[in-house]
Amino acid sequence: MAKSYTEINEKIKNGKAVVLTAEEVSELSKSLSPKEIAAKVDIVTTGTFGAMCSSGAFINFGHANPPIRMEKIELNGVRVSGGLAAVDTYIGATDCNPEHPAYGGAHLIQELIEGKDITLEAWGKGTDCYPRKHIKTIINRETINEAILYNPRNAYQNYNVATNTTDQIKYTYMGTLLPRMRNASYSTAGELSPLLNDPECRTIGLGTRIFLCGTEGYVTWNGTQFHSTKETNSYGIPTSNARTIAVIGDLKNMSPDFLRAAYYEKYGVSMFVGIGIPIPVLDEDMARRVSIRNEQIETTVVDYGKENQILGKTNYAALHSGEIEINGHKIRTAPVASLAKAREIAGILKNWIQQGQFLLTEPIRPMPTGTSLKTLQEIKKEE
């Protein structure tokens, strides 16, 4: 029999909700059918902690006296957006000073959470209502007004495995790839990954309450590059990068345990983001979805050295074992995301729900269907 969000939330309030992590329900599925799981389990918690470059934070500094319309803004020497209102900015996780590429926006965001002082320097042309042309001061978490984490593309539903068949090292956002397929890297938490437990986004949409970097957050929209028409396996799981979500939360309440700056050699700055999503087990179909196991989740192995050529497929059980075999080649594997952190996030979210501190929200708008990706075409110059 189907359950409703209202029924599940009442169970949470009364301390009677049965909550399992995605790993726990995957193990349970070895002995119970989806129908039995649907009758027994109310909520499954998921988690992921990986590099998500499409992330950043809106900051309001507050006005100076006399006021300034900030048109060029630097924070600890990193250029950030001056294209908003007079004293607002958006810090992109990958913003950096080209002369110091190992320090950037993600570091600024982490330092704000940590309460560290940051040097703000800004310039404007000067206007009648904003006469000041320059300011240099110190800001921190306590002195600024709002600090809102807003990430346009997080929590990829699946992602390619990266390797390199060429004779040269390749430095990528998937880490350093050694020549001649001597290593392969992957970035998804497998059976713990949020969108792999709800592949058609039946319960994930606009307004879904989530764990975001140590505090409560929300899904605000489908993420950029949301792609719902990808090839799927027999379990309905896309076999390469597909759906994404846009998320929002109060940066001041977040923890550096679940938001960390990173630098990839010869690639640039990124930011590790911790996300956990509770999946309500509404019916037998949802029970079947959340019962997915690592050996049932396939992904695509791609050659990052030769224009992303597809080399084959593998699954997350093989990836977690430390070695995969592709076209007769045995390749060492390593994650560029933290499975331990993903487990921690799923566990914390489970505890919040069991303690009655976290209720579920029903999406007020579903995710789109039938979407595909467009590619950028170069304009051909006339001879």
Protein backbone atom coordinates (compact mmCIF):
# COMPACT_ATOMS: atom_id res chain seq x y z
CA MET A 1 0.00 0.00 0.00
CA ALA A 2 1.33 3.44 -0.94
CA LYS A 3 2.45 5.90 1.74
CA SER A 4 2.17 9.69 1.68
CA TYR A 5 4.60 12.36 2.83
CA THR A 6 2.11 13.33 5.53
CA GLU A 7 2.00 9.78 6.90
CA ILE A 8 5.79 9.48 6.92
CA ASN A 9 6.23 12.88 8.60
CA GLU A 10 3.75 11.89 11.30
CA LYS A 11 5.87 8.80 11.95
CA ILE A 12 8.96 11.03 12.21
CA LYS A 13 7.23 13.33 14.71
CA ASN A 14 6.13 10.33 16.79
CA GLY A 15 9.57 8.68 16.68
CA LYS A 16 8.21 5.68 14.79
CA ALA A 17 9.75 6.15 11.32
CA VAL A 18 11.98 3.32 10.15
CA VAL A 19 15.05 4.91 8.59
CA LEU A 20 17.91 3.07 6.87
CA THR A 21 20.92 4.34 4.95
CA ALA A 22 21.15 3.40 1.28
CA GLU A 23 23.88 0.88 2.08
CA GLU A 24 21.73 -0.71 4.79
CA VAL A 25 18.70 -1.09 2.52
CA SER A 26 20.89 -2.48 -0.28
CA GLU A 27 22.07 -5.17 2.12
CA LEU A 28 18.49 -5.78 3.26
CA SER A 29 17.43 -6.30 -0.36
CA LYS A 30 19.48 -9.52 -0.44
CA SER A 31 16.91 -11.13 1.86
CA LEU A 32 13.70 -9.10 1.37
CA SER A 33 11.66 -8.31 -1.74
CA PRO A 34 10.78 -4.72 -2.75
CA LYS A 35 7.23 -5.33 -1.50
CA GLU A 36 8.54 -6.40 1.90
CA ILE A 37 10.97 -3.45 2.06
CA ALA A 38 8.15 -1.02 1.18
CA ALA A 39 6.13 -2.37 4.10
CA LYS A 40 9.06 -2.25 6.53
CA VAL A 41 11.08 0.90 5.64
CA ASP A 42 9.86 4.51 5.53
CA ILE A 43 12.93 6.52 4.53
CA VAL A 44 16.33 5.81 2.97
CA THR A 45 19.14 8.32 3.49
CA THR A 46 21.81 8.90 0.87
CA GLY A 47 25.09 10.81 0.75
CA THR A 48 27.85 12.06 -1.47
CA PHE A 49 30.99 14.14 -0.92
CA GLY A 50 32.91 15.07 -4.03
CA ALA A 51 34.33 17.89 -6.10
CA MET A 52 31.53 20.02 -7.53
CA CYS A 53 33.02 22.91 -9.51
CA SER A 54 29.65 24.50 -10.31
CA SER A 55 29.27 25.91 -6.80
CA GLY A 56 29.56 29.28 -5.11
CA ALA A 57 28.17 31.78 -2.63
CA PHE A 58 26.26 35.06 -2.71
CA ILE A 59 27.63 37.56 -0.18
CA ASN A 60 26.30 40.94 0.95
CA PHE A 61 29.05 43.03 2.53
CA GLY A 62 26.96 45.91 3.86
CA HIS A 63 27.41 49.59 2.94
CA ALA A 64 30.39 51.79 3.74
CA ASN A 65 30.20 55.48 4.67
CA PRO A 66 30.39 57.15 2.21
CA PRO A 67 28.93 54.33 0.08
CA ILE A 68 30.51 52.73 -2.95
CA ARG A 69 29.07 50.85 -5.91
CA MET A 70 31.56 47.98 -6.16
CA GLU A 71 32.31 47.30 -9.83
CA LYS A 72 35.63 45.52 -9.37
CA ILE A 73 35.95 43.34 -6.27
CA GLU A 74 38.85 41.31 -4.89
CA LEU A 75 38.84 39.04 -1.84
CA ASN A 76 42.33 38.09 -0.66
CA GLY A 77 43.46 39.06 -4.15
CA VAL A 78 40.93 36.82 -5.91
CA ARG A 79 38.72 38.63 -8.43
CA VAL A 80 35.02 37.93 -7.80
CA SER A 81 31.86 39.17 -9.49
CA GLY A 82 31.15 42.91 -9.57
CA GLY A 83 28.10 42.43 -11.73
CA LEU A 84 25.44 42.47 -9.01
CA ALA A 85 24.15 45.31 -6.81
CA ALA A 86 26.39 47.84 -5.07
CA VAL A 87 27.72 45.62 -2.27
CA ASP A 88 26.73 42.12 -3.37
CA THR A 89 28.95 39.55 -5.01
CA TYR A 90 28.96 35.94 -6.13
CA ILE A 91 32.07 33.97 -5.28
CA GLY A 92 32.48 31.17 -7.79
CA ALA A 93 34.26 28.12 -6.41
CA THR A 94 36.76 28.16 -9.30
CA ASP A 95 37.50 31.92 -9.21
CA CYS A 96 41.22 32.54 -8.80
CA ASN A 97 44.08 34.93 -9.35
CA PRO A 98 45.94 33.53 -12.40
CA GLU A 99 49.24 34.39 -10.69
CA HIS A 100 48.29 32.18 -7.73
CA PRO A 101 46.13 29.43 -9.29
CA ALA A 102 46.20 27.12 -6.25
CA TYR A 103 44.06 29.51 -4.16
CA GLY A 104 40.59 30.59 -5.17
CA GLY A 105 36.91 31.01 -4.53
CA ALA A 106 36.48 27.66 -2.80
CA HIS A 107 39.17 28.61 -0.29
CA LEU A 108 37.42 31.93 0.38
CA ILE A 109 34.11 30.15 0.99
CA GLN A 110 35.73 27.65 3.35
CA GLU A 111 37.51 30.44 5.23
CA LEU A 112 34.26 32.36 5.65
CA ILE A 113 32.70 29.27 7.24
CA GLU A 114 35.74 28.95 9.51
CA GLY A 115 35.34 32.56 10.68
CA LYS A 116 38.66 33.74 9.26
CA ASP A 117 39.36 37.36 8.30
CA ILE A 118 39.42 38.12 4.56
CA THR A 119 40.72 41.27 2.90
CA LEU A 120 38.10 43.00 0.75
CA GLU A 121 39.27 45.57 -1.79
CA ALA A 122 36.85 47.16 -4.25
CA TRP A 123 36.72 49.91 -6.82
CA GLY A 124 33.92 51.89 -8.49
CA LYS A 125 33.66 54.79 -10.89
CA GLY A 126 31.80 56.97 -8.36
CA THR A 127 28.24 58.19 -8.82
CA ASP A 128 26.00 60.80 -7.19
CA CYS A 129 24.48 58.17 -4.89
CA TYR A 130 27.66 56.10 -4.51
CA PRO A 131 30.46 58.70 -4.50
CA ARG A 132 33.24 56.52 -3.08
CA LYS A 133 35.69 55.06 -5.60
CA HIS A 134 37.81 52.71 -3.49
CA ILE A 135 37.68 50.77 -0.25
CA LYS A 136 39.97 48.30 1.49
CA THR A 137 38.83 46.57 4.66
CA ILE A 138 38.52 43.27 6.51
CA ILE A 139 35.42 41.07 6.43
CA ASN A 140 34.48 37.79 8.09
CA ARG A 141 31.42 35.66 8.80
CA GLU A 142 30.28 37.96 11.62
CA THR A 143 30.65 41.29 9.80
CA ILE A 144 28.84 40.43 6.55
CA ASN A 145 25.06 40.43 6.24
CA GLU A 146 24.01 37.41 4.18
CA ALA A 147 26.12 34.48 3.04
CA ILE A 148 24.12 32.10 0.86
CA LEU A 149 25.62 29.00 -0.71
CA TYR A 150 24.01 28.58 -4.14
CA ASN A 151 25.31 25.79 -6.35
CA PRO A 152 23.92 25.57 -9.91
CA ARG A 153 25.10 21.99 -10.62
CA ASN A 154 25.67 19.42 -7.88
CA ALA A 155 25.24 15.71 -7.13
CA TYR A 156 25.59 14.24 -10.64
CA GLN A 157 23.41 11.18 -11.01
CA ASN A 158 26.31 9.21 -12.42
CA TYR A 159 29.68 10.10 -13.88
CA ASN A 160 32.26 8.68 -16.22
CA VAL A 161 35.34 6.77 -15.13
CA ALA A 162 38.43 8.60 -16.40
CA THR A 163 41.56 6.96 -17.76
CA ASN A 164 44.30 7.87 -20.25
CA THR A 165 45.61 5.72 -23.12
CA THR A 166 48.25 8.18 -24.34
CA ASP A 167 51.96 8.19 -23.51
CA GLN A 168 51.73 11.45 -21.54
CA ILE A 169 50.33 12.36 -18.12
CA LYS A 170 47.01 14.20 -18.28
CA TYR A 171 46.05 16.69 -15.56
CA THR A 172 42.27 16.85 -15.25
CA TYR A 173 39.38 17.61 -12.91
CA MET A 174 39.27 13.84 -12.37
CA GLY A 175 42.80 14.01 -10.98
CA THR A 176 46.14 13.12 -12.52
CA LEU A 177 45.76 10.36 -15.12
CA LEU A 178 48.91 8.33 -15.72
CA PRO A 179 49.98 7.22 -19.21
CA ARG A 180 48.94 3.93 -20.83
CA MET A 181 45.93 3.32 -18.59
CA ARG A 182 48.00 2.92 -15.44
CA ASN A 183 45.15 4.34 -13.34
CA ALA A 184 41.48 5.27 -13.51
CA SER A 185 39.48 7.64 -11.32
CA TYR A 186 35.77 7.86 -10.51
CA SER A 187 33.69 10.33 -8.56
CA THR A 188 30.32 8.88 -7.53
CA ALA A 189 29.40 7.16 -4.26
CA GLY A 190 27.67 4.25 -5.99
CA GLU A 191 24.73 2.82 -4.06
CA LEU A 192 24.92 5.72 -1.57
CA SER A 193 24.66 8.39 -4.27
CA PRO A 194 21.44 10.45 -3.95
CA LEU A 195 20.16 10.56 -7.53
CA LEU A 196 21.05 6.93 -8.22
CA ASN A 197 18.52 5.95 -5.53
CA ASP A 198 15.77 7.91 -7.27
CA PRO A 199 16.82 7.73 -10.93
CA GLU A 200 13.66 9.33 -12.33
CA CYS A 201 13.48 11.95 -9.56
CA ARG A 202 10.07 10.89 -8.31
CA THR A 203 10.82 12.34 -4.86
CA ILE A 204 13.52 14.90 -5.71
CA GLY A 205 12.33 18.23 -7.11
CA LEU A 206 11.89 21.91 -6.38
CA GLY A 207 11.63 22.36 -2.60
CA THR A 208 13.12 19.04 -1.50
CA ARG A 209 14.80 19.48 1.91
CA ILE A 210 18.33 18.07 2.00
CA PHE A 211 21.53 17.85 4.04
CA LEU A 212 23.87 20.49 2.60
CA CYS A 213 27.40 20.89 3.96
CA GLY A 214 26.42 20.16 7.54
CA THR A 215 23.12 22.02 7.71
CA GLU A 216 19.67 22.05 6.16
CA GLY A 217 19.39 23.06 2.52
CA TYR A 218 16.95 22.81 -0.37
CA VAL A 219 16.79 21.79 -4.01
CA THR A 220 15.93 24.96 -5.95
CA TRP A 221 15.78 23.73 -9.55
CA ASN A 222 17.12 21.10 -11.89
CA GLY A 223 20.86 21.61 -12.10
CA THR A 224 22.62 22.88 -15.19
CA GLN A 225 23.44 20.18 -17.76
CA PHE A 226 20.45 18.18 -16.47
CA HIS A 227 20.15 15.36 -18.99
CA SER A 228 17.30 12.86 -18.68
CA THR A 229 17.64 11.08 -22.02
CA LYS A 230 20.85 9.18 -21.31
CA GLU A 231 21.24 5.47 -22.00
CA THR A 232 20.17 3.38 -19.00
CA ASN A 233 20.92 -0.17 -17.90
CA SER A 234 18.36 -2.86 -17.09
CA TYR A 235 17.77 -1.27 -13.66
CA GLY A 236 16.87 2.11 -15.15
CA ILE A 237 20.15 3.74 -14.08
CA PRO A 238 21.90 6.10 -16.54
CA THR A 239 25.30 4.68 -17.46
CA SER A 240 27.07 8.05 -17.58
CA ASN A 241 26.61 11.60 -16.27
CA ALA A 242 22.92 12.55 -16.43
CA ARG A 243 20.67 14.48 -14.01
CA THR A 244 21.92 17.16 -11.58
CA ILE A 245 20.37 19.47 -8.97
CA ALA A 246 20.74 23.13 -8.02
CA VAL A 247 20.88 23.66 -4.24
CA ILE A 248 20.80 26.46 -1.68
CA GLY A 249 21.57 26.87 2.02
CA ASP A 250 22.79 29.27 4.73
CA LEU A 251 26.58 29.34 4.46
CA LYS A 252 26.95 30.69 8.01
CA ASN A 253 25.50 27.47 9.44
CA MET A 254 27.68 25.13 7.39
CA SER A 255 30.69 23.11 8.53
CA PRO A 256 34.14 22.85 6.92
CA ASP A 257 33.86 19.13 7.65
CA PHE A 258 31.48 18.96 4.69
CA LEU A 259 32.72 21.81 2.49
CA ARG A 260 36.39 21.79 1.54
CA ALA A 261 38.48 23.66 -1.00
CA ALA A 262 40.66 21.62 -3.33
CA TYR A 263 43.29 22.22 -5.98
CA TYR A 264 43.90 19.84 -8.87
CA GLU A 265 47.43 20.13 -10.23
CA LYS A 266 47.58 22.04 -13.53
CA TYR A 267 43.78 22.12 -13.68
CA GLY A 268 42.62 24.51 -10.98
CA VAL A 269 40.51 25.07 -7.89
CA SER A 270 37.40 23.09 -7.06
CA MET A 271 35.23 22.57 -4.01
CA PHE A 272 34.16 19.38 -2.26
CA VAL A 273 30.49 19.57 -1.30
CA GLY A 274 28.61 17.22 1.04
CA ILE A 275 25.00 16.46 0.10
CA GLY A 276 22.53 14.00 1.59
CA ILE A 277 18.97 13.46 0.38
CA PRO A 278 16.26 11.47 2.20
CA ILE A 279 14.29 9.23 -0.14
CA PRO A 280 10.78 8.38 1.11
CA VAL A 281 9.82 4.78 0.36
CA LEU A 282 6.37 5.66 -0.96
CA ASP A 283 5.62 2.33 -2.62
CA GLU A 284 7.04 -0.88 -4.01
CA ASP A 285 8.60 0.88 -7.00
CA MET A 286 10.58 3.25 -4.75
CA ALA A 287 11.62 0.27 -2.61
CA ARG A 288 13.01 -1.38 -5.73
CA ARG A 289 14.87 1.79 -6.70
CA VAL A 290 16.57 2.30 -3.32
CA SER A 291 17.57 -1.38 -3.19
CA ILE A 292 20.10 -0.87 -5.98
CA ARG A 293 23.54 -2.36 -5.24
CA ASN A 294 27.00 -1.38 -6.46
CA GLU A 295 27.29 -4.39 -8.77
CA GLN A 296 24.05 -3.30 -10.47
CA ILE A 297 25.17 0.29 -11.14
CA GLU A 298 27.12 0.57 -14.37
CA THR A 299 29.11 3.52 -15.63
CA THR A 300 31.16 4.34 -18.71
CA VAL A 301 34.96 4.27 -18.94
CA VAL A 302 36.24 7.21 -20.98
CA ASP A 303 39.66 8.02 -22.44
CA TYR A 304 40.42 11.57 -21.29
CA GLY A 305 43.59 11.52 -23.37
CA LYS A 306 41.80 11.03 -26.70
CA GLU A 307 38.77 13.30 -26.92
CA ASN A 308 36.67 11.34 -24.43
CA GLN A 309 36.51 8.17 -26.50
CA ILE A 310 34.41 5.46 -24.87
CA LEU A 311 36.45 2.41 -23.91
CA GLY A 312 33.83 0.26 -22.23
CA LYS A 313 31.68 -0.10 -19.12
CA THR A 314 32.19 -1.21 -15.54
CA ASN A 315 30.26 -1.17 -12.25
CA TYR A 316 30.82 0.32 -8.82
CA ALA A 317 31.54 -2.98 -7.10
CA ALA A 318 34.51 -3.41 -9.44
CA LEU A 319 35.57 0.22 -8.99
CA HIS A 320 35.49 -0.11 -5.20
CA SER A 321 37.57 -3.29 -5.40
CA GLY A 322 40.53 -1.21 -6.59
CA GLU A 323 40.86 -2.73 -10.07
CA ILE A 324 38.81 -2.96 -13.24
CA GLU A 325 39.46 -4.71 -16.53
CA ILE A 326 38.81 -2.90 -19.81
CA ASN A 327 39.65 -4.44 -23.20
CA GLY A 328 42.06 -6.86 -21.57
CA HIS A 329 43.81 -4.18 -19.51
CA LYS A 330 43.72 -4.34 -15.72
CA ILE A 331 43.57 -0.79 -14.37
CA ARG A 332 44.04 0.42 -10.79
CA THR A 333 41.12 2.54 -9.61
CA ALA A 334 40.83 5.32 -7.04
CA PRO A 335 37.97 7.66 -6.12
CA VAL A 336 38.17 11.44 -6.38
CA ALA A 337 35.33 11.56 -3.86
CA SER A 338 35.16 10.34 -0.28
CA LEU A 339 33.06 7.23 0.35
CA ALA A 340 33.75 7.57 4.09
CA LYS A 341 32.26 11.09 4.10
CA ALA A 342 29.27 9.92 2.05
CA ARG A 343 28.60 7.26 4.68
CA GLU A 344 28.96 9.85 7.44
CA ILE A 345 26.47 12.18 5.73
CA ALA A 346 23.90 9.41 5.25
CA GLY A 347 24.35 8.47 8.91
CA ILE A 348 23.95 12.03 10.20
CA LEU A 349 20.83 12.56 8.10
CA LYS A 350 19.42 9.26 9.41
CA ASN A 351 20.02 10.45 12.98
CA TRP A 352 18.38 13.85 12.35
CA ILE A 353 15.25 12.12 11.07
CA GLN A 354 15.17 9.59 13.90
CA GLN A 355 15.48 12.42 16.43
CA GLY A 356 12.55 14.24 14.82
CA GLN A 357 14.77 17.16 13.76
CA PHE A 358 14.29 16.77 10.00
CA LEU A 359 10.95 16.39 8.20
CA LEU A 360 10.51 15.54 4.54
CA THR A 361 9.19 18.05 2.00
CA GLU A 362 7.17 17.01 -1.02
CA PRO A 363 8.47 18.67 -4.21
CA ILE A 364 6.29 21.54 -5.40
CA ARG A 365 7.51 21.03 -8.98
CA PRO A 366 8.92 17.83 -10.49
CA MET A 367 12.13 17.65 -12.46
CA PRO A 368 11.82 17.94 -16.25
CA THR A 369 11.75 14.97 -18.60
CA GLY A 370 12.98 14.48 -22.13
CA THR A 371 15.92 16.88 -21.75
CA SER A 372 19.16 16.63 -23.69
CA LEU A 373 22.41 18.58 -23.87
CA LYS A 374 23.38 21.13 -26.48
CA THR A 375 27.00 21.66 -27.46
CA LEU A 376 28.82 24.86 -28.29
CA GLN A 377 29.57 25.30 -31.97
CA GLU A 378 32.51 27.33 -33.23
CA ILE A 379 31.71 30.09 -35.70
CA LYS A 380 33.46 29.36 -39.00
CA LYS A 381 35.42 32.30 -40.35
CA GLU A 382 35.04 33.09 -44.02
CA GLU A 383 38.26 32.76 -45.98
